Amino acid sequence: MECANKGNAAEAMVLTIIYRLIDAEGNPLFRKLDKTELLKSVDPDVLASVVNQINNSDPSAEDIEGN
């Protein structure tokens, strides 16, 4: 959120991807060391699409509470 609040949306999206994407075993797909490469190599529209998919797959408050 800090990056987004400072006007650096691309960095905020990359950090969301780094911290939230995991494989089937729960292992992270990216490391913080990948941040620069993702920023340089991935189109911002692709980053936004991935982050939107991540956000849309968030569990609801009811799911978290177990209802």
C-alpha atoms as a PDB file:
ATOM      1  CA  MET A   1       0.000   0.000   0.000  1.00  0.00           C
ATOM      2  CA  GLU A   2       2.855   2.370   0.761  1.00  0.00           C
ATOM      3  CA  CYS A   3       4.123   2.130  -2.823  1.00  0.00           C
ATOM      4  CA  ALA A   4       0.660   2.729  -4.245  1.00  0.00           C
ATOM      5  CA  ASN A   5       0.109   5.704  -1.943  1.00  0.00           C
ATOM      6  CA  LYS A   6       3.394   7.213  -3.126  1.00  0.00           C
ATOM      7  CA  GLY A   7       2.284   6.947  -6.759  1.00  0.00           C
ATOM      8  CA  ASN A   8       4.331   3.894  -7.695  1.00  0.00           C
ATOM      9  CA  ALA A   9       1.561   1.587  -8.865  1.00  0.00           C
ATOM     10  CA  ALA A  10       3.866  -0.682 -10.886  1.00  0.00           C
ATOM     11  CA  GLU A  11       6.045  -1.419  -7.866  1.00  0.00           C
ATOM     12  CA  ALA A  12       2.964  -2.016  -5.712  1.00  0.00           C
ATOM     13  CA  MET A  13       1.633  -4.514  -8.273  1.00  0.00           C
ATOM     14  CA  VAL A  14       4.974  -6.342  -8.483  1.00  0.00           C
ATOM     15  CA  LEU A  15       5.200  -6.594  -4.697  1.00  0.00           C
ATOM     16  CA  THR A  16       1.654  -7.973  -4.586  1.00  0.00           C
ATOM     17  CA  ILE A  17       2.661 -10.651  -7.087  1.00  0.00           C
ATOM     18  CA  ILE A  18       5.860 -11.473  -5.209  1.00  0.00           C
ATOM     19  CA  TYR A  19       4.185 -11.787  -1.825  1.00  0.00           C
ATOM     20  CA  ARG A  20       0.941 -13.470  -2.859  1.00  0.00           C
ATOM     21  CA  LEU A  21       1.649 -15.974  -5.640  1.00  0.00           C
ATOM     22  CA  ILE A  22       2.423 -19.473  -4.380  1.00  0.00           C
ATOM     23  CA  ASP A  23       2.575 -22.912  -5.960  1.00  0.00           C
ATOM     24  CA  ALA A  24       0.423 -25.919  -5.002  1.00  0.00           C
ATOM     25  CA  GLU A  25       2.718 -26.720  -2.066  1.00  0.00           C
ATOM     26  CA  GLY A  26       2.541 -23.161  -0.724  1.00  0.00           C
ATOM     27  CA  ASN A  27       6.020 -22.137  -1.890  1.00  0.00           C
ATOM     28  CA  PRO A  28       6.441 -18.610  -3.281  1.00  0.00           C
ATOM     29  CA  LEU A  29       6.758 -18.377  -7.050  1.00  0.00           C
ATOM     30  CA  PHE A  30       8.870 -15.220  -6.844  1.00  0.00           C
ATOM     31  CA  ARG A  31      11.374 -13.712  -4.439  1.00  0.00           C
ATOM     32  CA  LYS A  32      11.917 -10.072  -3.610  1.00  0.00           C
ATOM     33  CA  LEU A  33      15.101 -10.293  -5.698  1.00  0.00           C
ATOM     34  CA  ASP A  34      12.825 -10.729  -8.742  1.00  0.00           C
ATOM     35  CA  LYS A  35      11.279  -7.273  -8.276  1.00  0.00           C
ATOM     36  CA  THR A  36      13.600  -5.365 -10.609  1.00  0.00           C
ATOM     37  CA  GLU A  37      13.343  -7.973 -13.357  1.00  0.00           C
ATOM     38  CA  LEU A  38       9.547  -8.030 -13.148  1.00  0.00           C
ATOM     39  CA  LEU A  39       9.413  -4.228 -13.280  1.00  0.00           C
ATOM     40  CA  LYS A  40      11.683  -4.116 -16.334  1.00  0.00           C
ATOM     41  CA  SER A  41      10.352  -7.133 -18.221  1.00  0.00           C
ATOM     42  CA  VAL A  42       6.609  -7.341 -17.677  1.00  0.00           C
ATOM     43  CA  ASP A  43       4.082  -5.051 -19.315  1.00  0.00           C
ATOM     44  CA  PRO A  44       2.152  -2.978 -16.728  1.00  0.00           C
ATOM     45  CA  ASP A  45      -1.140  -4.145 -18.245  1.00  0.00           C
ATOM     46  CA  VAL A  46      -0.123  -7.757 -17.594  1.00  0.00           C
ATOM     47  CA  LEU A  47       0.851  -6.895 -14.016  1.00  0.00           C
ATOM     48  CA  ALA A  48      -2.531  -5.220 -13.497  1.00  0.00           C
ATOM     49  CA  SER A  49      -4.353  -8.219 -14.927  1.00  0.00           C
ATOM     50  CA  VAL A  50      -2.523 -10.647 -12.642  1.00  0.00           C
ATOM     51  CA  VAL A  51      -3.089  -8.460  -9.569  1.00  0.00           C
ATOM     52  CA  ASN A  52      -6.800  -8.150 -10.447  1.00  0.00           C
ATOM     53  CA  GLN A  53      -7.038 -11.944 -10.641  1.00  0.00           C
ATOM     54  CA  ILE A  54      -5.263 -12.256  -7.283  1.00  0.00           C
ATOM     55  CA  ASN A  55      -7.609  -9.732  -5.686  1.00  0.00           C
ATOM     56  CA  ASN A  56     -10.700 -11.370  -7.189  1.00  0.00           C
ATOM     57  CA  SER A  57      -9.682 -14.724  -5.735  1.00  0.00           C
ATOM     58  CA  ASP A  58      -9.365 -13.369  -2.175  1.00  0.00           C
ATOM     59  CA  PRO A  59     -11.588 -15.210   0.270  1.00  0.00           C
ATOM     60  CA  SER A  60     -14.600 -13.342   1.556  1.00  0.00           C
ATOM     61  CA  ALA A  61     -14.945 -12.364   5.198  1.00  0.00           C
ATOM     62  CA  GLU A  62     -17.449 -15.214   5.577  1.00  0.00           C
ATOM     63  CA  ASP A  63     -14.932 -17.700   4.143  1.00  0.00           C
ATOM     64  CA  ILE A  64     -12.322 -16.530   6.611  1.00  0.00           C
ATOM     65  CA  GLU A  65     -14.740 -16.854   9.520  1.00  0.00           C
ATOM     66  CA  GLY A  66     -15.649 -20.371   8.393  1.00  0.00           C
ATOM     67  CA  ASN A  67     -19.286 -19.672   7.561  1.00  0.00           C
END
